[in-house]
Amino acid sequence: MTGQPRYRDLISAWLQAATLRLDPETGLLPHTGNGVDGTDTTVARATSQVIMLRLLPDIDANFAKDQYLIFRERFFTSFLGLPCVQEYPTGITGQGDVDSGPLIFGRSISGTVMMMGVAQVYGNHDFANALAKTGEVVGLPWTSDEKKPRSPVYFRLAISS
């Protein structure tokens, strides 16, 4: 948050509108909404939630914390004993799409990866570390000369920065 009072009215209006349109199934912000009247059109999903959860503390810390706690309850799960995030809330199934990418037994790879950073923002360091360890196991890491290699994507991003 910039701390500048000029955004106070805008934030207040957005929060009021957003809380009126929470997904009735989960109490979270919906994945998509109707562009005409703002009503939700799809249930909350992990791929959009993790992005919003990362940004919400800058808008309203209390609302963000409430949304995070609901998200934890409805989306945190495990697969073969490893912690992860499911794309749809507990009790709801759906398909992967361009937003989520492929789902593995309903688990969102992109949501799980992004959740590492989001969990840290909310002080949930144990879960963030557990997700990082899951990535190490699932990613079948290897070392060379006792060093982890840089991924080609990271290397390209570092060069272009």
N, C-alpha and C. Protein backbone atom coordinates (compact mmCIF):
# COMPACT_ATOMS: atom_id res chain seq x y z
N MET A 1 0.85 -1.17 0.00
CA MET A 1 0.00 0.00 0.00
C MET A 1 0.89 1.23 0.00
N THR A 2 0.50 2.20 -0.76
CA THR A 2 1.30 3.41 -0.85
C THR A 2 1.18 4.26 0.40
N GLY A 3 0.10 4.09 1.14
CA GLY A 3 -0.12 4.89 2.33
C GLY A 3 -0.68 6.27 2.01
N GLN A 4 -0.91 6.53 0.73
CA GLN A 4 -1.43 7.83 0.33
C GLN A 4 -2.95 7.86 0.48
N PRO A 5 -3.48 8.87 1.14
CA PRO A 5 -4.92 8.93 1.39
C PRO A 5 -5.76 9.06 0.12
N ARG A 6 -5.17 9.46 -0.98
CA ARG A 6 -5.96 9.66 -2.20
C ARG A 6 -6.59 8.36 -2.71
N TYR A 7 -6.10 7.21 -2.27
CA TYR A 7 -6.66 5.93 -2.71
C TYR A 7 -7.71 5.38 -1.75
N ARG A 8 -7.87 6.02 -0.60
CA ARG A 8 -8.75 5.50 0.44
C ARG A 8 -10.18 5.28 -0.06
N ASP A 9 -10.75 6.25 -0.79
CA ASP A 9 -12.12 6.13 -1.27
C ASP A 9 -12.24 5.02 -2.32
N LEU A 10 -11.27 4.93 -3.19
CA LEU A 10 -11.27 3.89 -4.23
C LEU A 10 -11.20 2.50 -3.59
N ILE A 11 -10.32 2.34 -2.63
CA ILE A 11 -10.17 1.05 -1.95
C ILE A 11 -11.45 0.71 -1.20
N SER A 12 -12.03 1.67 -0.51
CA SER A 12 -13.25 1.44 0.24
C SER A 12 -14.39 1.00 -0.69
N ALA A 13 -14.53 1.67 -1.83
CA ALA A 13 -15.58 1.31 -2.79
C ALA A 13 -15.33 -0.08 -3.36
N TRP A 14 -14.09 -0.38 -3.67
CA TRP A 14 -13.78 -1.71 -4.23
C TRP A 14 -14.07 -2.81 -3.21
N LEU A 15 -13.65 -2.60 -1.97
CA LEU A 15 -13.90 -3.60 -0.92
C LEU A 15 -15.38 -3.82 -0.70
N GLN A 16 -16.14 -2.75 -0.69
CA GLN A 16 -17.58 -2.87 -0.50
C GLN A 16 -18.19 -3.68 -1.65
N ALA A 17 -17.82 -3.36 -2.89
CA ALA A 17 -18.35 -4.09 -4.04
C ALA A 17 -17.88 -5.55 -4.03
N ALA A 18 -16.62 -5.78 -3.69
CA ALA A 18 -16.06 -7.13 -3.69
C ALA A 18 -16.73 -8.01 -2.64
N THR A 19 -16.95 -7.47 -1.46
CA THR A 19 -17.55 -8.28 -0.40
C THR A 19 -19.02 -8.60 -0.69
N LEU A 20 -19.68 -7.77 -1.48
CA LEU A 20 -21.05 -8.06 -1.89
C LEU A 20 -21.11 -9.19 -2.92
N ARG A 21 -19.99 -9.45 -3.58
CA ARG A 21 -19.96 -10.42 -4.67
C ARG A 21 -19.12 -11.67 -4.37
N LEU A 22 -18.87 -11.93 -3.10
CA LEU A 22 -18.11 -13.13 -2.76
C LEU A 22 -18.84 -14.37 -3.24
N ASP A 23 -18.08 -15.36 -3.65
CA ASP A 23 -18.62 -16.64 -4.09
C ASP A 23 -19.43 -17.23 -2.94
N PRO A 24 -20.73 -17.47 -3.14
CA PRO A 24 -21.55 -17.99 -2.04
C PRO A 24 -21.14 -19.39 -1.58
N GLU A 25 -20.50 -20.15 -2.45
CA GLU A 25 -20.07 -21.51 -2.09
C GLU A 25 -18.90 -21.49 -1.12
N THR A 26 -17.98 -20.53 -1.29
CA THR A 26 -16.75 -20.54 -0.50
C THR A 26 -16.54 -19.32 0.39
N GLY A 27 -17.17 -18.21 0.06
CA GLY A 27 -16.91 -16.96 0.78
C GLY A 27 -15.66 -16.25 0.28
N LEU A 28 -15.12 -16.74 -0.85
CA LEU A 28 -13.93 -16.13 -1.45
C LEU A 28 -14.33 -15.33 -2.68
N LEU A 29 -13.40 -14.53 -3.18
CA LEU A 29 -13.64 -13.84 -4.44
C LEU A 29 -13.79 -14.88 -5.55
N PRO A 30 -14.78 -14.74 -6.43
CA PRO A 30 -14.99 -15.75 -7.47
C PRO A 30 -13.88 -15.72 -8.52
N HIS A 31 -13.77 -16.83 -9.25
CA HIS A 31 -12.74 -16.94 -10.30
C HIS A 31 -13.05 -15.99 -11.46
N THR A 32 -14.30 -15.93 -11.86
CA THR A 32 -14.72 -15.00 -12.92
C THR A 32 -16.01 -14.33 -12.49
N GLY A 33 -16.30 -13.21 -13.11
CA GLY A 33 -17.52 -12.48 -12.83
C GLY A 33 -18.15 -11.97 -14.10
N ASN A 34 -19.42 -11.69 -14.02
CA ASN A 34 -20.16 -11.13 -15.14
C ASN A 34 -19.73 -9.68 -15.34
N GLY A 35 -19.29 -9.36 -16.55
CA GLY A 35 -18.80 -8.01 -16.84
C GLY A 35 -19.87 -6.94 -16.79
N VAL A 36 -21.13 -7.32 -16.89
CA VAL A 36 -22.22 -6.35 -16.90
C VAL A 36 -22.66 -5.99 -15.49
N ASP A 37 -22.96 -7.01 -14.68
CA ASP A 37 -23.48 -6.72 -13.35
C ASP A 37 -22.56 -7.13 -12.20
N GLY A 38 -21.41 -7.76 -12.51
CA GLY A 38 -20.43 -8.11 -11.49
C GLY A 38 -20.72 -9.36 -10.72
N THR A 39 -21.84 -10.03 -11.02
CA THR A 39 -22.14 -11.27 -10.30
C THR A 39 -21.11 -12.33 -10.64
N ASP A 40 -20.87 -13.23 -9.68
CA ASP A 40 -19.90 -14.29 -9.93
C ASP A 40 -20.47 -15.28 -10.93
N THR A 41 -19.60 -15.81 -11.77
CA THR A 41 -20.04 -16.79 -12.76
C THR A 41 -19.36 -18.13 -12.57
N THR A 42 -18.27 -18.18 -11.83
CA THR A 42 -17.64 -19.46 -11.52
C THR A 42 -17.12 -19.43 -10.08
N VAL A 43 -17.06 -20.59 -9.50
CA VAL A 43 -16.61 -20.75 -8.13
C VAL A 43 -15.14 -20.31 -8.00
N ALA A 44 -14.76 -19.93 -6.79
CA ALA A 44 -13.37 -19.57 -6.52
C ALA A 44 -12.45 -20.72 -6.91
N ARG A 45 -11.31 -20.39 -7.51
CA ARG A 45 -10.34 -21.41 -7.92
C ARG A 45 -8.94 -20.99 -7.50
N ALA A 46 -8.08 -21.96 -7.32
CA ALA A 46 -6.74 -21.71 -6.80
C ALA A 46 -5.92 -20.77 -7.67
N THR A 47 -5.99 -20.93 -8.99
CA THR A 47 -5.13 -20.12 -9.85
C THR A 47 -5.39 -18.63 -9.70
N SER A 48 -6.65 -18.24 -9.52
CA SER A 48 -6.93 -16.82 -9.32
C SER A 48 -6.75 -16.43 -7.85
N GLN A 49 -7.09 -17.33 -6.94
CA GLN A 49 -6.98 -17.01 -5.51
C GLN A 49 -5.55 -16.69 -5.09
N VAL A 50 -4.59 -17.47 -5.55
CA VAL A 50 -3.22 -17.23 -5.10
C VAL A 50 -2.70 -15.88 -5.59
N ILE A 51 -3.13 -15.46 -6.77
CA ILE A 51 -2.73 -14.14 -7.25
C ILE A 51 -3.39 -13.05 -6.41
N MET A 52 -4.69 -13.20 -6.19
CA MET A 52 -5.40 -12.19 -5.39
C MET A 52 -4.88 -12.16 -3.96
N LEU A 53 -4.62 -13.33 -3.40
CA LEU A 53 -4.11 -13.38 -2.03
C LEU A 53 -2.76 -12.70 -1.89
N ARG A 54 -1.98 -12.72 -2.94
CA ARG A 54 -0.68 -12.03 -2.89
C ARG A 54 -0.87 -10.51 -2.87
N LEU A 55 -1.90 -10.03 -3.55
CA LEU A 55 -2.12 -8.59 -3.67
C LEU A 55 -3.01 -8.01 -2.57
N LEU A 56 -3.90 -8.80 -2.03
CA LEU A 56 -4.87 -8.30 -1.05
C LEU A 56 -4.27 -7.64 0.19
N PRO A 57 -3.16 -8.11 0.74
CA PRO A 57 -2.62 -7.42 1.92
C PRO A 57 -2.29 -5.94 1.66
N ASP A 58 -1.99 -5.61 0.42
CA ASP A 58 -1.71 -4.21 0.08
C ASP A 58 -2.98 -3.38 -0.02
N ILE A 59 -4.12 -4.05 -0.13
CA ILE A 59 -5.40 -3.35 -0.23
C ILE A 59 -6.05 -3.24 1.14
N ASP A 60 -6.19 -4.40 1.82
CA ASP A 60 -6.79 -4.43 3.15
C ASP A 60 -6.29 -5.67 3.87
N ALA A 61 -5.46 -5.49 4.86
CA ALA A 61 -4.81 -6.60 5.55
C ALA A 61 -5.82 -7.52 6.25
N ASN A 62 -6.86 -6.96 6.84
CA ASN A 62 -7.84 -7.79 7.55
C ASN A 62 -8.65 -8.65 6.58
N PHE A 63 -9.12 -8.04 5.50
CA PHE A 63 -9.86 -8.79 4.48
C PHE A 63 -8.96 -9.88 3.90
N ALA A 64 -7.71 -9.53 3.65
CA ALA A 64 -6.75 -10.50 3.10
C ALA A 64 -6.58 -11.70 4.03
N LYS A 65 -6.41 -11.44 5.31
CA LYS A 65 -6.22 -12.52 6.27
C LYS A 65 -7.44 -13.43 6.32
N ASP A 66 -8.63 -12.84 6.31
CA ASP A 66 -9.85 -13.64 6.31
C ASP A 66 -9.92 -14.52 5.06
N GLN A 67 -9.60 -13.95 3.90
CA GLN A 67 -9.63 -14.71 2.66
C GLN A 67 -8.59 -15.83 2.68
N TYR A 68 -7.41 -15.56 3.24
CA TYR A 68 -6.37 -16.57 3.30
C TYR A 68 -6.80 -17.75 4.17
N LEU A 69 -7.41 -17.46 5.31
CA LEU A 69 -7.84 -18.53 6.21
C LEU A 69 -8.90 -19.42 5.56
N ILE A 70 -9.83 -18.81 4.83
CA ILE A 70 -10.84 -19.60 4.11
C ILE A 70 -10.15 -20.43 3.03
N PHE A 71 -9.24 -19.81 2.31
CA PHE A 71 -8.53 -20.53 1.24
C PHE A 71 -7.80 -21.74 1.81
N ARG A 72 -7.09 -21.56 2.91
CA ARG A 72 -6.38 -22.68 3.53
C ARG A 72 -7.32 -23.84 3.83
N GLU A 73 -8.47 -23.50 4.39
CA GLU A 73 -9.42 -24.53 4.78
C GLU A 73 -10.00 -25.28 3.58
N ARG A 74 -10.23 -24.57 2.49
CA ARG A 74 -10.92 -25.18 1.35
C ARG A 74 -10.00 -25.72 0.25
N PHE A 75 -8.73 -25.29 0.20
CA PHE A 75 -7.88 -25.63 -0.93
C PHE A 75 -6.60 -26.40 -0.57
N PHE A 76 -6.13 -26.30 0.66
CA PHE A 76 -4.90 -27.01 1.02
C PHE A 76 -5.21 -28.50 1.12
N THR A 77 -4.33 -29.32 0.57
CA THR A 77 -4.53 -30.76 0.58
C THR A 77 -3.17 -31.43 0.48
N SER A 78 -3.18 -32.70 0.18
CA SER A 78 -1.92 -33.42 -0.05
C SER A 78 -2.15 -34.42 -1.17
N PHE A 79 -1.06 -34.91 -1.68
CA PHE A 79 -1.10 -35.94 -2.71
C PHE A 79 0.08 -36.86 -2.45
N LEU A 80 -0.21 -38.11 -2.21
CA LEU A 80 0.82 -39.10 -1.85
C LEU A 80 1.64 -38.62 -0.66
N GLY A 81 0.96 -37.94 0.27
CA GLY A 81 1.61 -37.47 1.48
C GLY A 81 2.34 -36.14 1.34
N LEU A 82 2.33 -35.56 0.13
CA LEU A 82 3.02 -34.29 -0.10
C LEU A 82 2.00 -33.15 -0.13
N PRO A 83 2.28 -32.04 0.56
CA PRO A 83 1.33 -30.92 0.58
C PRO A 83 1.22 -30.27 -0.80
N CYS A 84 0.03 -29.83 -1.11
CA CYS A 84 -0.21 -29.14 -2.38
C CYS A 84 -1.52 -28.37 -2.29
N VAL A 85 -1.88 -27.74 -3.40
CA VAL A 85 -3.10 -26.95 -3.49
C VAL A 85 -3.97 -27.55 -4.58
N GLN A 86 -5.24 -27.76 -4.25
CA GLN A 86 -6.14 -28.25 -5.29
C GLN A 86 -6.74 -27.06 -6.02
N GLU A 87 -7.08 -27.24 -7.29
CA GLU A 87 -7.59 -26.14 -8.12
C GLU A 87 -8.99 -25.72 -7.69
N TYR A 88 -9.83 -26.66 -7.32
CA TYR A 88 -11.19 -26.36 -6.92
C TYR A 88 -11.34 -26.62 -5.42
N PRO A 89 -12.24 -25.89 -4.77
CA PRO A 89 -12.41 -26.10 -3.33
C PRO A 89 -12.89 -27.51 -3.00
N THR A 90 -12.60 -27.95 -1.81
CA THR A 90 -13.02 -29.27 -1.35
C THR A 90 -14.50 -29.47 -1.64
N GLY A 91 -14.81 -30.62 -2.24
CA GLY A 91 -16.19 -30.95 -2.55
C GLY A 91 -16.64 -30.56 -3.96
N ILE A 92 -15.78 -29.86 -4.69
CA ILE A 92 -16.12 -29.43 -6.05
C ILE A 92 -15.04 -29.94 -6.99
N THR A 93 -15.44 -30.49 -8.11
CA THR A 93 -14.47 -30.96 -9.10
C THR A 93 -14.62 -30.15 -10.38
N GLY A 94 -13.58 -30.13 -11.16
CA GLY A 94 -13.60 -29.42 -12.43
C GLY A 94 -12.39 -29.78 -13.25
N GLN A 95 -12.35 -29.25 -14.43
CA GLN A 95 -11.26 -29.52 -15.36
C GLN A 95 -10.22 -28.41 -15.30
N GLY A 96 -9.01 -28.74 -15.72
CA GLY A 96 -7.98 -27.73 -15.90
C GLY A 96 -8.29 -26.94 -17.16
N ASP A 97 -7.70 -25.78 -17.27
CA ASP A 97 -7.91 -24.95 -18.46
C ASP A 97 -6.68 -24.07 -18.67
N VAL A 98 -6.83 -23.06 -19.50
CA VAL A 98 -5.70 -22.19 -19.81
C VAL A 98 -5.19 -21.45 -18.56
N ASP A 99 -6.07 -21.21 -17.60
CA ASP A 99 -5.65 -20.54 -16.37
C ASP A 99 -4.83 -21.44 -15.46
N SER A 100 -5.29 -22.66 -15.28
CA SER A 100 -4.66 -23.56 -14.31
C SER A 100 -3.57 -24.44 -14.90
N GLY A 101 -3.67 -24.71 -16.20
CA GLY A 101 -2.83 -25.72 -16.79
C GLY A 101 -3.38 -27.08 -16.42
N PRO A 102 -2.66 -28.14 -16.72
CA PRO A 102 -3.18 -29.47 -16.40
C PRO A 102 -3.27 -29.69 -14.90
N LEU A 103 -4.30 -30.41 -14.50
CA LEU A 103 -4.47 -30.76 -13.10
C LEU A 103 -4.10 -32.22 -12.91
N ILE A 104 -3.44 -32.53 -11.83
CA ILE A 104 -3.07 -33.90 -11.51
C ILE A 104 -3.96 -34.33 -10.34
N PHE A 105 -4.94 -35.17 -10.66
CA PHE A 105 -5.93 -35.59 -9.67
C PHE A 105 -6.52 -34.39 -8.93
N GLY A 106 -6.82 -33.34 -9.70
CA GLY A 106 -7.43 -32.14 -9.14
C GLY A 106 -6.45 -31.16 -8.52
N ARG A 107 -5.18 -31.53 -8.46
CA ARG A 107 -4.17 -30.66 -7.84
C ARG A 107 -3.60 -29.71 -8.88
N SER A 108 -3.41 -28.47 -8.48
CA SER A 108 -2.92 -27.42 -9.37
C SER A 108 -1.42 -27.23 -9.18
N ILE A 109 -0.68 -27.54 -10.21
CA ILE A 109 0.78 -27.33 -10.14
C ILE A 109 1.08 -25.85 -10.03
N SER A 110 0.44 -25.04 -10.88
CA SER A 110 0.71 -23.60 -10.85
C SER A 110 0.26 -22.99 -9.52
N GLY A 111 -0.91 -23.39 -9.02
CA GLY A 111 -1.38 -22.87 -7.73
C GLY A 111 -0.47 -23.25 -6.59
N THR A 112 0.04 -24.49 -6.63
CA THR A 112 0.94 -24.96 -5.58
C THR A 112 2.26 -24.20 -5.61
N VAL A 113 2.80 -24.00 -6.79
CA VAL A 113 4.08 -23.28 -6.91
C VAL A 113 3.92 -21.83 -6.45
N MET A 114 2.87 -21.16 -6.90
CA MET A 114 2.67 -19.76 -6.50
C MET A 114 2.37 -19.64 -5.02
N MET A 115 1.78 -20.68 -4.44
CA MET A 115 1.42 -20.65 -3.03
C MET A 115 2.64 -20.57 -2.12
N MET A 116 3.80 -21.01 -2.59
CA MET A 116 5.00 -20.92 -1.75
C MET A 116 5.25 -19.49 -1.32
N GLY A 117 5.20 -18.56 -2.25
CA GLY A 117 5.43 -17.16 -1.94
C GLY A 117 4.29 -16.54 -1.16
N VAL A 118 3.06 -16.91 -1.52
CA VAL A 118 1.88 -16.36 -0.84
C VAL A 118 1.87 -16.79 0.62
N ALA A 119 2.16 -18.04 0.88
CA ALA A 119 2.18 -18.53 2.27
C ALA A 119 3.19 -17.73 3.10
N GLN A 120 4.30 -17.37 2.50
CA GLN A 120 5.29 -16.57 3.23
C GLN A 120 4.75 -15.19 3.57
N VAL A 121 4.01 -14.59 2.65
CA VAL A 121 3.43 -13.26 2.89
C VAL A 121 2.53 -13.29 4.12
N TYR A 122 1.81 -14.40 4.31
CA TYR A 122 0.89 -14.52 5.44
C TYR A 122 1.54 -15.14 6.68
N GLY A 123 2.87 -15.29 6.65
CA GLY A 123 3.59 -15.80 7.79
C GLY A 123 3.46 -17.30 7.99
N ASN A 124 2.96 -18.00 6.98
CA ASN A 124 2.78 -19.45 7.05
C ASN A 124 4.04 -20.12 6.49
N HIS A 125 5.16 -19.89 7.16
CA HIS A 125 6.47 -20.34 6.67
C HIS A 125 6.60 -21.86 6.65
N ASP A 126 5.99 -22.53 7.60
CA ASP A 126 6.06 -24.00 7.61
C ASP A 126 5.44 -24.58 6.35
N PHE A 127 4.28 -24.05 5.96
CA PHE A 127 3.63 -24.56 4.75
C PHE A 127 4.44 -24.19 3.51
N ALA A 128 4.96 -22.97 3.46
CA ALA A 128 5.79 -22.56 2.33
C ALA A 128 7.00 -23.47 2.19
N ASN A 129 7.65 -23.78 3.30
CA ASN A 129 8.81 -24.66 3.26
C ASN A 129 8.43 -26.09 2.86
N ALA A 130 7.28 -26.55 3.34
CA ALA A 130 6.81 -27.89 2.97
C ALA A 130 6.53 -27.95 1.47
N LEU A 131 5.95 -26.89 0.91
CA LEU A 131 5.72 -26.85 -0.53
C LEU A 131 7.03 -26.83 -1.30
N ALA A 132 8.01 -26.11 -0.80
CA ALA A 132 9.32 -26.07 -1.46
C ALA A 132 9.96 -27.45 -1.45
N LYS A 133 9.83 -28.15 -0.35
CA LYS A 133 10.38 -29.51 -0.27
C LYS A 133 9.64 -30.44 -1.22
N THR A 134 8.33 -30.25 -1.36
CA THR A 134 7.56 -31.04 -2.32
C THR A 134 8.11 -30.81 -3.72
N GLY A 135 8.40 -29.57 -4.05
CA GLY A 135 8.99 -29.27 -5.36
C GLY A 135 10.31 -29.95 -5.56
N GLU A 136 11.09 -30.05 -4.52
CA GLU A 136 12.37 -30.74 -4.61
C GLU A 136 12.19 -32.22 -4.89
N VAL A 137 11.20 -32.82 -4.25
CA VAL A 137 10.95 -34.25 -4.44
C VAL A 137 10.36 -34.51 -5.82
N VAL A 138 9.32 -33.78 -6.16
CA VAL A 138 8.62 -34.00 -7.42
C VAL A 138 9.48 -33.58 -8.61
N GLY A 139 10.27 -32.54 -8.44
CA GLY A 139 11.11 -32.05 -9.53
C GLY A 139 12.34 -32.89 -9.79
N LEU A 140 12.55 -33.92 -8.98
CA LEU A 140 13.72 -34.79 -9.11
C LEU A 140 15.00 -33.98 -9.30
N PRO A 141 15.34 -33.18 -8.30
CA PRO A 141 16.50 -32.30 -8.45
C PRO A 141 17.81 -33.07 -8.56
N TRP A 142 18.74 -32.45 -9.21
CA TRP A 142 20.07 -33.04 -9.29
C TRP A 142 21.08 -31.92 -9.10
N THR A 143 22.24 -32.29 -8.71
CA THR A 143 23.31 -31.32 -8.52
C THR A 143 24.51 -31.73 -9.34
N SER A 144 25.33 -30.75 -9.60
CA SER A 144 26.58 -30.98 -10.31
C SER A 144 27.64 -30.19 -9.58
N ASP A 145 28.72 -30.84 -9.24
CA ASP A 145 29.76 -30.19 -8.43
C ASP A 145 29.17 -29.60 -7.16
N GLU A 146 28.20 -30.33 -6.58
CA GLU A 146 27.53 -29.94 -5.35
C GLU A 146 26.83 -28.59 -5.44
N LYS A 147 26.39 -28.22 -6.64
CA LYS A 147 25.64 -26.99 -6.86
C LYS A 147 24.40 -27.33 -7.66
N LYS A 148 23.36 -26.57 -7.39
CA LYS A 148 22.15 -26.72 -8.18
C LYS A 148 22.34 -25.94 -9.48
N PRO A 149 21.97 -26.52 -10.60
CA PRO A 149 22.07 -25.77 -11.85
C PRO A 149 20.98 -24.73 -11.93
N ARG A 150 21.26 -23.65 -12.62
CA ARG A 150 20.23 -22.65 -12.86
C ARG A 150 19.32 -23.16 -13.96
N SER A 151 18.04 -22.91 -13.81
CA SER A 151 17.13 -23.34 -14.87
C SER A 151 17.30 -22.40 -16.05
N PRO A 152 17.09 -22.88 -17.25
CA PRO A 152 17.19 -22.01 -18.43
C PRO A 152 16.24 -20.82 -18.36
N VAL A 153 15.03 -21.00 -17.82
CA VAL A 153 14.08 -19.90 -17.72
C VAL A 153 14.62 -18.83 -16.78
N TYR A 154 15.11 -19.25 -15.61
CA TYR A 154 15.67 -18.29 -14.65
C TYR A 154 16.84 -17.56 -15.29
N PHE A 155 17.67 -18.30 -15.98
CA PHE A 155 18.85 -17.70 -16.59
C PHE A 155 18.45 -16.64 -17.61
N ARG A 156 17.45 -16.93 -18.44
CA ARG A 156 16.99 -15.96 -19.43
C ARG A 156 16.41 -14.73 -18.74
N LEU A 157 15.64 -14.93 -17.67
CA LEU A 157 15.05 -13.79 -16.96
C LEU A 157 16.13 -12.94 -16.32
N ALA A 158 17.14 -13.58 -15.76
CA ALA A 158 18.22 -12.83 -15.12
C ALA A 158 19.00 -12.00 -16.12
N ILE A 159 19.20 -12.54 -17.31
CA ILE A 159 19.94 -11.81 -18.35
C ILE A 159 19.14 -10.62 -18.86
N SER A 160 17.82 -10.81 -19.04
CA SER A 160 17.01 -9.76 -19.62
C SER A 160 16.67 -8.67 -18.63
N SER A 161 16.89 -8.90 -17.34
CA SER A 161 16.55 -7.89 -16.32
C SER A 161 17.53 -6.75 -16.31
